[in-house]
Amino acid sequence: MDKFSILIVDDDKNLLLSLKRALRNEGYLLHFATGARAAQKTIKNTHIDMVISDYQMPGTNGLHFLQGLKDSNPEILTIMMTGVEDVNIAARAINEAGVYKFIIKPWSNEDLKITIRRAVESLRVIKERDHLLRKIKTRDAALQKLEKRYPGISNVVRDEEGCIISN
């Protein structure tokens, strides 16, 4: 499977460098933005699987940014980081913006890596589910075509052991 692409959004350039160092050997395609506008531009021009955003940013807050992102790109998984320990913000981030995880700064690099690995695994499961659903829909459409052409072809009679009974 392709590498997962992560966009990290924070107005603190030193924090972005710290996150870059912490995640550089994890095998992700890392992108960085210092605000919501730059992040939106990156999302428009680059495939992004996950966004990790700060809560407090100039011009907007991370909650509003991630709510807008959820509306326009619901397939992108989001994580919010903040130095503000506020249960109301965390609840709103999860309930209103669909944030996968809420991380308090300062963070533990190991905990952050584990959180991202779990988020990536969730993304993999979602992508696999979507792939399987597309396969089912394609096969169902083919079966419906056959049923129209050959009425009764999809009716299968089985005995008590599950074996198909042919006439």
Protein backbone atom coordinates (compact mmCIF):
# COMPACT_ATOMS: atom_id res chain seq x y z
CA MET A 1 0.00 0.00 0.00
CA ASP A 2 1.13 3.58 -0.67
CA LYS A 3 2.69 5.70 2.03
CA PHE A 4 0.22 7.66 4.09
CA SER A 5 0.32 11.41 3.67
CA ILE A 6 0.06 13.54 6.81
CA LEU A 7 -0.38 17.30 6.93
CA ILE A 8 0.64 18.97 10.18
CA VAL A 9 -0.77 22.46 10.80
CA ASP A 10 0.63 24.76 13.49
CA ASP A 11 1.68 28.41 13.51
CA ASP A 12 4.72 27.59 15.67
CA LYS A 13 7.56 26.76 13.26
CA ASN A 14 9.70 25.29 16.05
CA LEU A 15 6.89 22.90 16.93
CA LEU A 16 6.63 21.86 13.27
CA LEU A 17 10.37 21.13 13.23
CA SER A 18 10.02 19.11 16.43
CA LEU A 19 7.21 17.04 14.91
CA LYS A 20 9.21 16.60 11.72
CA ARG A 21 12.13 15.19 13.73
CA ALA A 22 9.83 12.94 15.76
CA LEU A 23 8.12 11.47 12.69
CA ARG A 24 10.86 11.52 10.03
CA ASN A 25 11.68 7.80 10.31
CA GLU A 26 8.08 6.57 10.50
CA GLY A 27 7.61 6.17 6.74
CA TYR A 28 4.92 8.81 6.21
CA LEU A 29 4.83 11.54 3.58
CA LEU A 30 4.91 14.62 5.79
CA HIS A 31 3.58 18.03 4.79
CA PHE A 32 3.58 21.15 6.94
CA ALA A 33 1.52 24.34 7.04
CA THR A 34 1.69 27.32 9.38
CA GLY A 35 -2.02 28.13 9.16
CA ALA A 36 -5.42 27.13 7.87
CA ARG A 37 -5.04 28.90 4.51
CA ALA A 38 -1.75 27.22 3.71
CA ALA A 39 -3.22 23.90 4.86
CA GLN A 40 -6.25 24.29 2.58
CA LYS A 41 -3.95 25.03 -0.35
CA THR A 42 -1.92 21.89 0.39
CA ILE A 43 -5.10 19.79 0.68
CA LYS A 44 -6.35 21.17 -2.64
CA ASN A 45 -3.08 20.35 -4.45
CA THR A 46 -1.91 17.19 -2.67
CA HIS A 47 -3.49 13.91 -1.60
CA ILE A 48 -3.70 14.04 2.20
CA ASP A 49 -4.83 11.09 4.35
CA MET A 50 -4.55 12.72 7.77
CA VAL A 51 -4.38 16.22 9.24
CA ILE A 52 -2.90 17.00 12.64
CA SER A 53 -3.89 20.54 13.56
CA ASP A 54 -3.21 22.90 16.43
CA TYR A 55 -6.24 24.44 18.12
CA GLN A 56 -4.94 28.00 18.48
CA MET A 57 -3.94 29.57 15.17
CA PRO A 58 -4.07 33.12 13.83
CA GLY A 59 -7.15 33.88 11.75
CA THR A 60 -9.13 30.84 12.85
CA ASN A 61 -9.00 28.11 15.41
CA GLY A 62 -8.30 24.47 14.73
CA LEU A 63 -11.87 23.49 15.58
CA HIS A 64 -13.36 25.68 12.84
CA PHE A 65 -10.66 24.58 10.40
CA LEU A 66 -11.28 20.87 11.09
CA GLN A 67 -15.08 21.30 10.95
CA GLY A 68 -14.72 22.81 7.47
CA LEU A 69 -12.33 20.05 6.50
CA LYS A 70 -14.82 17.40 7.66
CA ASP A 71 -17.51 18.96 5.47
CA SER A 72 -15.35 19.24 2.35
CA ASN A 73 -13.10 16.17 2.77
CA PRO A 74 -14.78 13.65 5.07
CA GLU A 75 -12.30 10.93 4.10
CA ILE A 76 -9.41 12.77 5.78
CA LEU A 77 -8.79 11.60 9.33
CA THR A 78 -8.09 14.43 11.78
CA ILE A 79 -6.20 14.83 15.04
CA MET A 80 -6.19 18.00 17.14
CA MET A 81 -3.25 19.13 19.26
CA THR A 82 -3.47 21.91 21.81
CA GLY A 83 -1.77 23.36 24.83
CA VAL A 84 -5.19 24.20 26.27
CA GLU A 85 -6.60 21.51 28.54
CA ASP A 86 -10.30 22.18 28.05
CA VAL A 87 -12.77 19.31 28.15
CA ASN A 88 -15.36 21.40 26.26
CA ILE A 89 -12.95 22.00 23.37
CA ALA A 90 -12.07 18.30 23.27
CA ALA A 91 -15.75 17.29 23.30
CA ARG A 92 -16.59 19.76 20.53
CA ALA A 93 -13.59 18.63 18.48
CA ILE A 94 -14.70 15.02 18.69
CA ASN A 95 -18.46 15.56 18.39
CA GLU A 96 -18.66 18.46 15.95
CA ALA A 97 -15.51 18.09 13.87
CA GLY A 98 -15.20 14.30 13.99
CA VAL A 99 -11.66 14.47 15.34
CA TYR A 100 -10.12 11.01 15.79
CA LYS A 101 -7.95 12.00 18.76
CA PHE A 102 -7.30 15.04 20.93
CA ILE A 103 -3.65 15.43 22.02
CA ILE A 104 -2.48 17.78 24.76
CA LYS A 105 0.85 19.62 24.37
CA PRO A 106 3.49 18.87 25.39
CA TRP A 107 3.12 15.39 24.02
CA SER A 108 5.15 12.23 24.33
CA ASN A 109 6.78 11.36 20.99
CA GLU A 110 6.13 7.66 21.61
CA ASP A 111 2.45 8.26 22.40
CA LEU A 112 2.15 10.46 19.32
CA LYS A 113 3.69 7.75 17.11
CA ILE A 114 1.34 5.13 18.55
CA THR A 115 -1.67 7.41 18.02
CA ILE A 116 -0.68 8.00 14.39
CA ARG A 117 -0.07 4.27 13.79
CA ARG A 118 -3.53 3.48 15.15
CA ALA A 119 -5.06 6.24 13.04
CA VAL A 120 -3.29 4.89 9.94
CA GLU A 121 -4.61 1.41 10.72
CA SER A 122 -8.11 2.87 10.98
CA LEU A 123 -7.61 4.51 7.59
CA ARG A 124 -6.45 1.20 6.12
CA VAL A 125 -9.53 -0.58 7.48
CA ILE A 126 -11.82 2.14 6.09
CA LYS A 127 -10.13 1.99 2.67
CA GLU A 128 -10.39 -1.80 2.59
CA ARG A 129 -14.06 -1.62 3.61
CA ASP A 130 -14.76 0.90 0.85
CA HIS A 131 -12.90 -1.27 -1.68
CA LEU A 132 -14.94 -4.34 -0.67
CA LEU A 133 -18.21 -2.39 -0.84
CA ARG A 134 -17.36 -1.26 -4.38
CA LYS A 135 -16.64 -4.90 -5.32
CA ILE A 136 -19.96 -6.04 -3.84
CA LYS A 137 -21.87 -3.32 -5.72
CA THR A 138 -20.13 -4.26 -8.99
CA ARG A 139 -20.90 -7.96 -8.53
CA ASP A 140 -24.46 -7.21 -7.45
CA ALA A 141 -24.99 -5.16 -10.61
CA ALA A 142 -23.60 -8.03 -12.72
CA LEU A 143 -25.88 -10.51 -10.96
CA GLN A 144 -28.91 -8.28 -11.55
CA LYS A 145 -28.02 -8.10 -15.26
CA LEU A 146 -27.82 -11.88 -15.41
CA GLU A 147 -31.11 -12.24 -13.54
CA LYS A 148 -32.82 -9.96 -16.08
CA ARG A 149 -31.38 -11.94 -18.96
CA TYR A 150 -31.92 -15.37 -17.38
CA PRO A 151 -34.79 -15.11 -14.85
CA GLY A 152 -34.34 -17.41 -11.86
CA ILE A 153 -30.60 -17.91 -12.37
CA SER A 154 -29.82 -16.48 -8.95
CA ASN A 155 -32.27 -18.75 -7.11
CA VAL A 156 -30.25 -21.38 -5.30
CA VAL A 157 -31.82 -24.30 -3.42
CA ARG A 158 -29.72 -25.99 -0.74
CA ASP A 159 -30.24 -29.08 1.38
CA GLU A 160 -29.95 -29.13 5.20
CA GLU A 161 -26.14 -29.51 4.93
CA GLY A 162 -25.81 -26.48 2.67
CA CYS A 163 -25.17 -28.41 -0.52
CA ILE A 164 -26.67 -26.97 -3.71
CA ILE A 165 -29.51 -29.06 -5.15
CA SER A 166 -29.64 -29.06 -8.93
CA ASN A 167 -32.62 -30.06 -10.99
